[in-house]
Amino acid sequence: MKTIRLLPAMLLIALAACGGGDGADAAATVRDSAGIRIVENRGGRWEEGKGWGLSAEPALQIGVAEGDPLYQMDRVRAALRMGDGRIVVANGGGHQVRWYDAGGRHVASAGRQGAGPGEFQALFALRRLPGDTVLAYDLQAFRLSWFDGGGRFVRAAPLAPVGVVPPRFVDRFADGSLLLSVSQRSFAAEPTTGISRDTLLWLRADPRGVPVDSLPPTPAGEAFFDVQRSGGRVQSFSILTLPFMRDVHSAAAGDRYWQGTTDTYQIVLRRADGTPERIVRRAVEPVPVRGAYLDSLRRVRTAEYGAESGRELDRIDVPERLPAFERLLVDDGGNLWVQRTAWPGAVQTEWDVFDAEGAMLGTVRMPAGFRATHVGADFVLGVWTDEDDVEYVRMYGLAK
C-alpha cells in the first residue's frame, strides 16, 4: 500500500529551531532544588551549520523487496551494531533474530514462530550485551531469550508475574539488571466510550527477570475506548491509540534511566532505585491538535486505511496540544536523543540531542521514512521504509 506523505508549510514554524543556538540566549540554565539538578534549555550549543548530521546517502543497506527471504524485512523491531561491525536485526514478521556481517551479508539466524526454547510468538525488542551476545524479548510470551555472539540460543527465562499481570521489558542497565513496567489498567463492568489513562508500575529486576526493587509509578499511555452498544448491551469493544495521545517513555543510561511523560518537555534522570537526580527541560511552543494538524492526520489515515478511519477522529475528544516529544534514545556515548512529535506524514523526523548532563547540543534531522534504533559514535542505524511500505535496515554515517 502506498503511503501519502504530507508536509504542511506551517510545520516549518511549528517545529522550528533546528540546528544551532543563538549565543547567550541558547545557554542552559542549571539550578538545584532539594538536591535535584534542574537544567532549563532555551536552545542548543551548536553554532548554525556546525552541528551533527547524517550522511546524504546510507553507508549500508540490507534488504530486498523481492528475492532471498533472508534479506526480506518484515516488522523490524530493532537493528543493533555489534563491536565487530556485525548487524543484528529483530525481524518481527519472521519471528527471527538475524546476524549480518559488516558488509550486509547474512551469516546466521535464530528463532522461528512457536512457544519452545529459542522460539518467538511476538519478537519485540533486542539489546546488545557484553561480548556481543544478544538479549531478545517476546512481548506475547513475556519471555527473555539470550543468544551468544555466534547466533546460537543459550537460554530463556519468563518474566515473573507481578500479582496476576506479567511485566513488560523496557530496557537493561549496565550491571545486567532490567527495567520493567506493569500496567494497572482496569476495565469497568460497564465500559464507556472515551479516552482513558491508567497507571504504570515500574520495577527493577535482576538479570533473570526477577523483580528486586519497586520504582516510582507514572501515568500510562492514553487510549481511546470505543464501545459499541445495541439494546443497552455491549456488542463490541476496541482500544485505539493515536499520535496526539499522551504517553510515557524511558531509556536506560548506564546505571540510571531517563524517563518522561509527554505531557510536557520534561525528562527525569533517575538512579536505578528510582531516585530522581536530574530534570531536563526544554522550552517549546505548544502545537495545537485541532486545525491543521488534525486535518493532516485525517487525510493520512483516510489515504492509508480508508474513509472510516479518517471519520473516527470526529468521535474523539482530542486534547488542546500535541505531546511534547515522541521517543527517547541513549547513544553509545551517553547522550540523550529526544524525538520531537512528528507531523502526520512528515518527510523527516527531528531529534533534539542533549549531553549526559542534560545540556542541549542541537537538533539532528533524520532522513524521510527512517526510524533510528541505534546511535553510535559515528553512525546511526535503523529501519527505512520506502513509498511501497517495504522495509530495509539502513546505516548512515554520523558527522560531528
Protein backbone atom coordinates (compact mmCIF):
# COMPACT_ATOMS: atom_id res chain seq x y z
CA MET A 1 0.00 0.00 0.00
CA LYS A 2 1.43 3.37 -0.99
CA THR A 3 1.81 5.94 1.75
CA ILE A 4 0.81 9.55 1.06
CA ARG A 5 3.24 11.90 2.77
CA LEU A 6 2.11 15.43 3.63
CA LEU A 7 4.23 18.32 4.84
CA PRO A 8 2.20 21.44 5.61
CA ALA A 9 4.05 24.70 5.30
CA MET A 10 3.27 25.60 8.93
CA LEU A 11 5.37 22.61 10.04
CA LEU A 12 8.42 24.75 9.39
CA ILE A 13 7.15 27.15 12.04
CA ALA A 14 5.61 24.70 14.48
CA LEU A 15 8.72 22.54 14.63
CA ALA A 16 11.33 25.23 14.13
CA ALA A 17 14.66 25.75 15.92
CA CYS A 18 16.56 23.01 14.14
CA GLY A 19 20.31 23.40 14.29
CA GLY A 20 22.35 25.70 16.44
CA GLY A 21 21.74 28.10 19.27
CA ASP A 22 21.75 31.89 19.41
CA GLY A 23 24.52 32.92 21.73
CA ALA A 24 23.76 33.66 25.37
CA ASP A 25 20.01 33.12 24.90
CA ALA A 26 20.69 29.49 23.90
CA ALA A 27 22.64 28.59 27.04
CA ALA A 28 21.30 26.06 29.53
CA THR A 29 20.41 27.36 32.99
CA VAL A 30 21.30 24.98 35.81
CA ARG A 31 19.98 25.15 39.38
CA ASP A 32 19.46 22.82 42.31
CA SER A 33 16.17 22.13 44.05
CA ALA A 34 16.01 19.80 47.06
CA GLY A 35 19.13 18.00 45.87
CA ILE A 36 17.87 17.57 42.29
CA ARG A 37 19.69 19.39 39.49
CA ILE A 38 17.34 21.15 37.07
CA VAL A 39 18.60 22.01 33.58
CA GLU A 40 16.48 24.53 31.65
CA ASN A 41 17.32 24.64 27.94
CA ARG A 42 16.35 27.51 25.64
CA GLY A 43 18.28 26.26 22.63
CA GLY A 44 21.32 24.27 21.54
CA ARG A 45 25.07 24.82 21.84
CA TRP A 46 25.90 24.04 18.24
CA GLU A 47 26.58 27.01 16.03
CA GLU A 48 24.39 27.37 12.97
CA GLY A 49 25.55 24.94 10.29
CA LYS A 50 28.14 23.27 12.58
CA GLY A 51 26.06 20.64 14.34
CA TRP A 52 25.94 16.90 13.89
CA GLY A 53 24.40 15.49 10.75
CA LEU A 54 23.77 12.25 8.88
CA SER A 55 25.41 11.37 5.59
CA ALA A 56 23.40 12.16 2.47
CA GLU A 57 23.45 8.50 1.41
CA PRO A 58 23.37 5.35 3.56
CA ALA A 59 26.71 3.68 4.24
CA LEU A 60 24.95 0.29 4.32
CA GLN A 61 21.55 -1.04 3.33
CA ILE A 62 20.24 -4.56 4.00
CA GLY A 63 17.03 -5.79 2.46
CA VAL A 64 15.20 -6.63 -0.76
CA ALA A 65 11.66 -6.06 -1.99
CA GLU A 66 11.67 -9.48 -3.64
CA GLY A 67 14.15 -12.34 -3.56
CA ASP A 68 16.03 -14.22 -0.87
CA PRO A 69 13.80 -14.47 2.25
CA LEU A 70 16.86 -13.99 4.47
CA TYR A 71 17.05 -10.41 3.18
CA GLN A 72 13.33 -9.64 3.23
CA MET A 73 12.47 -7.46 6.21
CA ASP A 74 9.07 -7.55 7.87
CA ARG A 75 8.12 -5.59 11.01
CA VAL A 76 11.70 -4.98 12.09
CA ARG A 77 11.62 -4.14 15.80
CA ALA A 78 15.29 -3.25 16.21
CA ALA A 79 18.66 -3.23 14.49
CA LEU A 80 21.89 -3.07 16.51
CA ARG A 81 25.55 -2.85 15.53
CA MET A 82 27.96 -5.13 17.36
CA GLY A 83 31.52 -4.25 18.36
CA ASP A 84 32.98 -6.08 15.34
CA GLY A 85 30.69 -4.30 12.90
CA ARG A 86 28.08 -7.02 12.50
CA ILE A 87 24.42 -6.01 12.36
CA VAL A 88 21.80 -7.88 14.41
CA VAL A 89 18.16 -7.50 13.38
CA ALA A 90 14.95 -8.38 15.22
CA ASN A 91 12.73 -9.35 12.29
CA GLY A 92 9.35 -9.50 14.00
CA GLY A 93 7.36 -10.67 10.99
CA GLY A 94 9.62 -13.68 10.53
CA HIS A 95 9.99 -14.39 14.28
CA GLN A 96 13.77 -14.37 13.81
CA VAL A 97 16.89 -12.73 15.12
CA ARG A 98 19.30 -12.36 12.20
CA TRP A 99 23.01 -11.62 12.02
CA TYR A 100 24.67 -9.89 9.05
CA ASP A 101 28.37 -9.16 8.63
CA ALA A 102 29.76 -5.62 8.35
CA GLY A 103 29.12 -5.67 4.61
CA GLY A 104 25.48 -6.75 4.96
CA ARG A 105 25.88 -10.46 4.13
CA HIS A 106 23.66 -12.82 6.11
CA VAL A 107 25.71 -15.09 8.41
CA ALA A 108 23.25 -16.57 10.95
CA SER A 109 19.61 -16.72 12.04
CA ALA A 110 17.92 -17.90 15.21
CA GLY A 111 14.30 -18.40 16.14
CA ARG A 112 11.03 -19.23 14.48
CA GLN A 113 7.37 -18.94 15.37
CA GLY A 114 6.47 -21.04 18.38
CA ALA A 115 6.44 -21.31 22.16
CA GLY A 116 9.51 -23.51 22.65
CA PRO A 117 13.04 -22.54 23.71
CA GLY A 118 14.58 -20.13 21.22
CA GLU A 119 11.22 -19.53 19.50
CA PHE A 120 9.07 -16.40 19.44
CA GLN A 121 5.40 -15.54 19.42
CA ALA A 122 5.89 -11.76 19.18
CA LEU A 123 9.56 -10.73 18.94
CA PHE A 124 9.52 -7.16 20.19
CA ALA A 125 12.89 -5.89 21.47
CA LEU A 126 16.61 -6.52 21.23
CA ARG A 127 19.53 -5.45 23.39
CA ARG A 128 23.29 -5.82 22.93
CA LEU A 129 25.15 -7.42 25.85
CA PRO A 130 28.88 -7.65 26.68
CA GLY A 131 30.81 -9.91 24.34
CA ASP A 132 28.36 -9.16 21.51
CA THR A 133 25.80 -11.53 22.98
CA VAL A 134 22.16 -10.56 22.46
CA LEU A 135 19.04 -10.38 24.64
CA ALA A 136 15.67 -10.69 22.86
CA TYR A 137 12.22 -10.06 24.32
CA ASP A 138 8.97 -11.78 23.35
CA LEU A 139 6.03 -9.45 24.08
CA GLN A 140 3.35 -12.12 23.85
CA ALA A 141 5.16 -14.85 25.80
CA PHE A 142 6.62 -12.32 28.32
CA ARG A 143 9.93 -14.12 27.93
CA LEU A 144 13.60 -13.19 27.59
CA SER A 145 15.97 -15.19 25.37
CA TRP A 146 19.76 -15.00 25.26
CA PHE A 147 21.94 -15.73 22.21
CA ASP A 148 25.72 -15.94 22.03
CA GLY A 149 27.97 -13.99 19.68
CA GLY A 150 27.64 -16.66 17.01
CA GLY A 151 23.85 -16.54 16.95
CA ARG A 152 23.27 -19.70 18.98
CA PHE A 153 20.45 -19.90 21.51
CA VAL A 154 21.74 -20.04 25.10
CA ARG A 155 18.75 -19.91 27.45
CA ALA A 156 15.34 -18.39 28.08
CA ALA A 157 13.53 -17.09 31.15
CA PRO A 158 9.93 -15.88 31.60
CA LEU A 159 9.36 -12.61 33.40
CA ALA A 160 7.86 -13.31 36.81
CA PRO A 161 4.26 -12.02 37.13
CA VAL A 162 3.52 -9.16 39.50
CA GLY A 163 0.26 -10.32 41.02
CA VAL A 164 -1.62 -11.67 38.02
CA VAL A 165 -0.10 -9.30 35.42
CA PRO A 166 3.17 -10.20 33.65
CA PRO A 167 5.58 -7.24 33.45
CA ARG A 168 6.89 -5.80 30.20
CA PHE A 169 10.60 -5.49 29.39
CA VAL A 170 11.64 -1.88 28.74
CA ASP A 171 15.45 -1.73 28.92
CA ARG A 172 18.60 -3.11 30.50
CA PHE A 173 21.03 -1.43 32.92
CA ALA A 174 24.81 -1.69 32.63
CA ASP A 175 25.01 -4.18 35.52
CA GLY A 176 22.62 -6.56 33.73
CA SER A 177 19.54 -5.73 35.79
CA LEU A 178 16.34 -4.94 33.91
CA LEU A 179 13.87 -2.07 33.77
CA LEU A 180 10.29 -3.40 33.64
CA SER A 181 6.81 -1.88 33.63
CA VAL A 182 3.47 -3.31 34.74
CA SER A 183 0.15 -1.96 33.51
CA GLN A 184 -2.54 -1.27 36.09
CA ARG A 185 -5.27 -0.79 33.51
CA SER A 186 -8.69 -1.58 34.94
CA PHE A 187 -11.77 -2.48 32.92
CA ALA A 188 -15.06 -1.24 34.26
CA ALA A 189 -18.03 -3.57 34.48
CA GLU A 190 -19.89 -1.10 32.22
CA PRO A 191 -17.23 0.37 29.90
CA THR A 192 -17.91 3.74 28.31
CA THR A 193 -16.58 5.37 25.18
CA GLY A 194 -13.81 7.91 25.79
CA ILE A 195 -10.12 8.48 26.43
CA SER A 196 -8.70 6.53 29.37
CA ARG A 197 -5.36 6.81 31.15
CA ASP A 198 -4.31 4.44 33.88
CA THR A 199 -1.09 3.85 35.85
CA LEU A 200 2.18 2.09 35.14
CA LEU A 201 4.15 0.46 37.93
CA TRP A 202 7.91 0.34 37.34
CA LEU A 203 10.32 -2.32 38.59
CA ARG A 204 13.99 -3.13 38.53
CA ALA A 205 14.61 -6.86 38.13
CA ASP A 206 17.75 -8.96 38.37
CA PRO A 207 19.30 -10.27 35.12
CA ARG A 208 17.00 -13.32 35.24
CA GLY A 209 13.90 -11.11 35.30
CA VAL A 210 13.01 -11.50 38.99
CA PRO A 211 11.86 -8.13 40.49
CA VAL A 212 14.13 -6.71 43.19
CA ASP A 213 13.03 -3.04 43.52
CA SER A 214 9.85 -1.04 43.12
CA LEU A 215 10.36 2.24 41.24
CA PRO A 216 8.15 5.36 41.16
CA PRO A 217 4.91 4.82 39.18
CA THR A 218 3.91 7.03 36.25
CA PRO A 219 0.75 7.66 34.26
CA ALA A 220 0.31 5.12 31.48
CA GLY A 221 -0.26 5.95 27.84
CA GLU A 222 -3.67 7.27 26.86
CA ALA A 223 -6.05 5.13 24.83
CA PHE A 224 -9.46 5.70 23.29
CA PHE A 225 -12.04 3.09 24.32
CA ASP A 226 -14.58 2.62 21.55
CA VAL A 227 -17.65 0.81 22.93
CA GLN A 228 -20.44 -0.18 20.56
CA ARG A 229 -23.81 -0.99 22.15
CA SER A 230 -27.11 -2.37 20.92
CA GLY A 231 -30.21 -2.53 23.08
CA GLY A 232 -28.19 -1.38 26.07
CA ARG A 233 -25.72 -4.25 25.77
CA VAL A 234 -22.07 -4.07 24.70
CA GLN A 235 -21.67 -5.57 21.23
CA SER A 236 -18.03 -4.75 20.56
CA PHE A 237 -15.11 -3.16 22.35
CA SER A 238 -11.88 -1.82 20.84
CA ILE A 239 -8.91 0.22 22.03
CA LEU A 240 -7.37 2.87 19.78
CA THR A 241 -4.14 4.82 20.25
CA LEU A 242 -3.36 7.90 18.17
CA PRO A 243 -0.30 10.19 17.77
CA PHE A 244 -1.79 13.07 19.78
CA MET A 245 -2.40 10.94 22.88
CA ARG A 246 -0.05 11.35 25.83
CA ASP A 247 2.38 8.58 26.72
CA VAL A 248 5.44 7.78 28.85
CA HIS A 249 8.91 6.88 27.56
CA SER A 250 12.00 5.50 29.30
CA ALA A 251 15.56 4.63 28.28
CA ALA A 252 18.39 3.19 30.37
CA ALA A 253 21.68 5.10 30.54
CA GLY A 254 24.36 3.00 32.24
CA ASP A 255 23.24 2.54 35.85
CA ARG A 256 20.48 5.16 35.53
CA TYR A 257 17.42 5.73 33.38
CA TRP A 258 15.79 8.69 31.67
CA GLN A 259 12.02 8.91 31.93
CA GLY A 260 9.35 11.39 30.95
CA THR A 261 5.67 11.68 30.18
CA THR A 262 4.83 13.55 27.00
CA ASP A 263 2.51 15.98 28.79
CA THR A 264 5.45 18.41 28.97
CA TYR A 265 9.01 18.60 27.65
CA GLN A 266 10.49 17.42 30.93
CA ILE A 267 12.67 14.31 31.23
CA VAL A 268 13.96 13.00 34.56
CA LEU A 269 17.22 11.13 35.06
CA ARG A 270 16.75 8.59 37.84
CA ARG A 271 19.14 6.29 39.62
CA ALA A 272 18.46 2.55 39.30
CA ASP A 273 16.50 2.68 42.57
CA GLY A 274 14.19 5.36 41.14
CA THR A 275 15.66 8.35 43.00
CA PRO A 276 15.48 11.48 40.79
CA GLU A 277 18.88 13.01 40.15
CA ARG A 278 18.39 15.47 37.31
CA ILE A 279 15.48 17.12 35.49
CA VAL A 280 15.97 18.28 31.91
CA ARG A 281 13.55 20.73 30.36
CA ARG A 282 13.31 22.48 27.03
CA ALA A 283 11.14 25.50 26.31
CA VAL A 284 8.93 24.73 23.31
CA GLU A 285 5.84 26.38 21.89
CA PRO A 286 2.80 24.09 22.21
CA VAL A 287 1.35 22.94 18.90
CA PRO A 288 -2.48 22.75 18.80
CA VAL A 289 -4.07 19.46 17.79
CA ARG A 290 -7.19 20.97 16.30
CA GLY A 291 -6.88 22.68 12.98
CA ALA A 292 -4.06 21.94 10.54
CA TYR A 293 -2.63 19.00 12.50
CA LEU A 294 -5.94 17.16 12.86
CA ASP A 295 -6.81 17.83 9.21
CA SER A 296 -3.47 16.34 8.12
CA LEU A 297 -3.91 13.30 10.37
CA ARG A 298 -7.41 12.73 8.96
CA ARG A 299 -6.09 12.86 5.36
CA VAL A 300 -3.23 10.46 6.12
CA ARG A 301 -5.47 7.94 7.89
CA THR A 302 -8.05 8.11 5.12
CA ALA A 303 -5.38 7.51 2.47
CA GLU A 304 -3.81 4.58 4.34
CA TYR A 305 -6.77 2.85 6.00
CA GLY A 306 -9.94 4.16 4.35
CA ALA A 307 -12.60 6.77 4.89
CA GLU A 308 -13.98 5.26 8.11
CA SER A 309 -10.56 5.50 9.75
CA GLY A 310 -10.47 9.21 8.99
CA ARG A 311 -14.02 9.78 10.23
CA GLU A 312 -13.41 8.02 13.55
CA LEU A 313 -11.30 11.00 14.65
CA ASP A 314 -14.52 13.01 14.84
CA ARG A 315 -15.75 10.79 17.70
CA ILE A 316 -12.74 11.54 19.89
CA ASP A 317 -12.41 14.42 22.32
CA VAL A 318 -8.94 15.50 21.20
CA PRO A 319 -6.58 17.38 23.56
CA GLU A 320 -5.65 21.03 23.07
CA ARG A 321 -1.97 20.44 22.20
CA LEU A 322 0.37 17.81 20.84
CA PRO A 323 2.59 15.63 23.05
CA ALA A 324 5.86 17.39 23.81
CA PHE A 325 8.01 14.59 22.37
CA GLU A 326 7.69 11.13 20.86
CA ARG A 327 10.65 8.85 21.71
CA LEU A 328 13.81 8.64 23.85
CA LEU A 329 17.08 7.02 22.83
CA VAL A 330 20.50 6.96 24.54
CA ASP A 331 23.53 6.72 22.23
CA ASP A 332 26.74 4.80 22.87
CA GLY A 333 28.36 7.94 24.28
CA GLY A 334 25.65 8.53 26.87
CA ASN A 335 23.93 11.41 25.05
CA LEU A 336 20.15 11.61 25.24
CA TRP A 337 18.22 11.84 21.95
CA VAL A 338 14.63 13.10 22.12
CA GLN A 339 12.43 12.74 19.04
CA ARG A 340 10.10 15.65 18.51
CA THR A 341 6.48 14.81 17.82
CA ALA A 342 6.20 14.33 14.07
CA TRP A 343 3.58 15.93 11.86
CA PRO A 344 1.30 13.37 10.15
CA GLY A 345 3.09 12.20 7.01
CA ALA A 346 6.15 14.32 7.82
CA VAL A 347 9.02 13.88 5.40
CA GLN A 348 11.65 13.96 8.15
CA THR A 349 11.82 13.42 11.90
CA GLU A 350 13.83 15.69 14.17
CA TRP A 351 15.76 14.72 17.27
CA ASP A 352 16.99 17.07 19.99
CA VAL A 353 20.35 15.90 21.35
CA PHE A 354 21.39 16.50 24.98
CA ASP A 355 24.71 15.62 26.60
CA ALA A 356 24.84 13.32 29.62
CA GLU A 357 24.46 16.34 31.93
CA GLY A 358 21.25 17.44 30.22
CA ALA A 359 22.52 20.45 28.25
CA MET A 360 21.07 20.62 24.76
CA LEU A 361 23.60 20.38 21.96
CA GLY A 362 21.28 20.88 18.99
CA THR A 363 18.91 19.09 16.65
CA VAL A 364 19.54 16.34 14.10
CA ARG A 365 17.23 15.64 11.16
CA MET A 366 16.68 12.03 10.15
CA PRO A 367 16.02 11.04 6.52
CA ALA A 368 12.48 10.58 5.28
CA GLY A 369 10.96 7.24 6.26
CA PHE A 370 13.81 6.36 8.65
CA ARG A 371 13.38 5.16 12.27
CA ALA A 372 16.59 5.17 14.31
CA THR A 373 17.23 2.24 16.68
CA HIS A 374 20.97 2.54 17.50
CA VAL A 375 23.23 5.62 17.54
CA GLY A 376 26.98 5.06 17.80
CA ALA A 377 30.00 7.34 17.79
CA ASP A 378 29.95 7.79 14.01
CA PHE A 379 26.80 6.07 12.75
CA VAL A 380 23.03 5.92 13.07
CA LEU A 381 21.40 2.54 12.40
CA GLY A 382 17.71 1.90 11.95
CA VAL A 383 14.85 0.93 9.68
CA TRP A 384 13.92 2.73 6.48
CA THR A 385 10.52 2.21 4.83
CA ASP A 386 10.09 3.10 1.16
CA GLU A 387 6.96 4.50 -0.50
CA ASP A 388 5.69 0.97 -1.11
CA ASP A 389 6.00 0.14 2.63
CA VAL A 390 8.97 -2.19 2.04
CA GLU A 391 11.40 -2.21 4.98
CA TYR A 392 15.19 -2.06 4.84
CA VAL A 393 17.84 -1.88 7.54
CA ARG A 394 19.98 1.17 6.90
CA MET A 395 23.08 2.69 8.46
CA TYR A 396 24.09 6.31 7.91
CA GLY A 397 27.35 7.98 8.81
CA LEU A 398 27.14 10.50 11.67
CA ALA A 399 29.40 13.52 11.19
CA LYS A 400 30.19 15.55 14.29
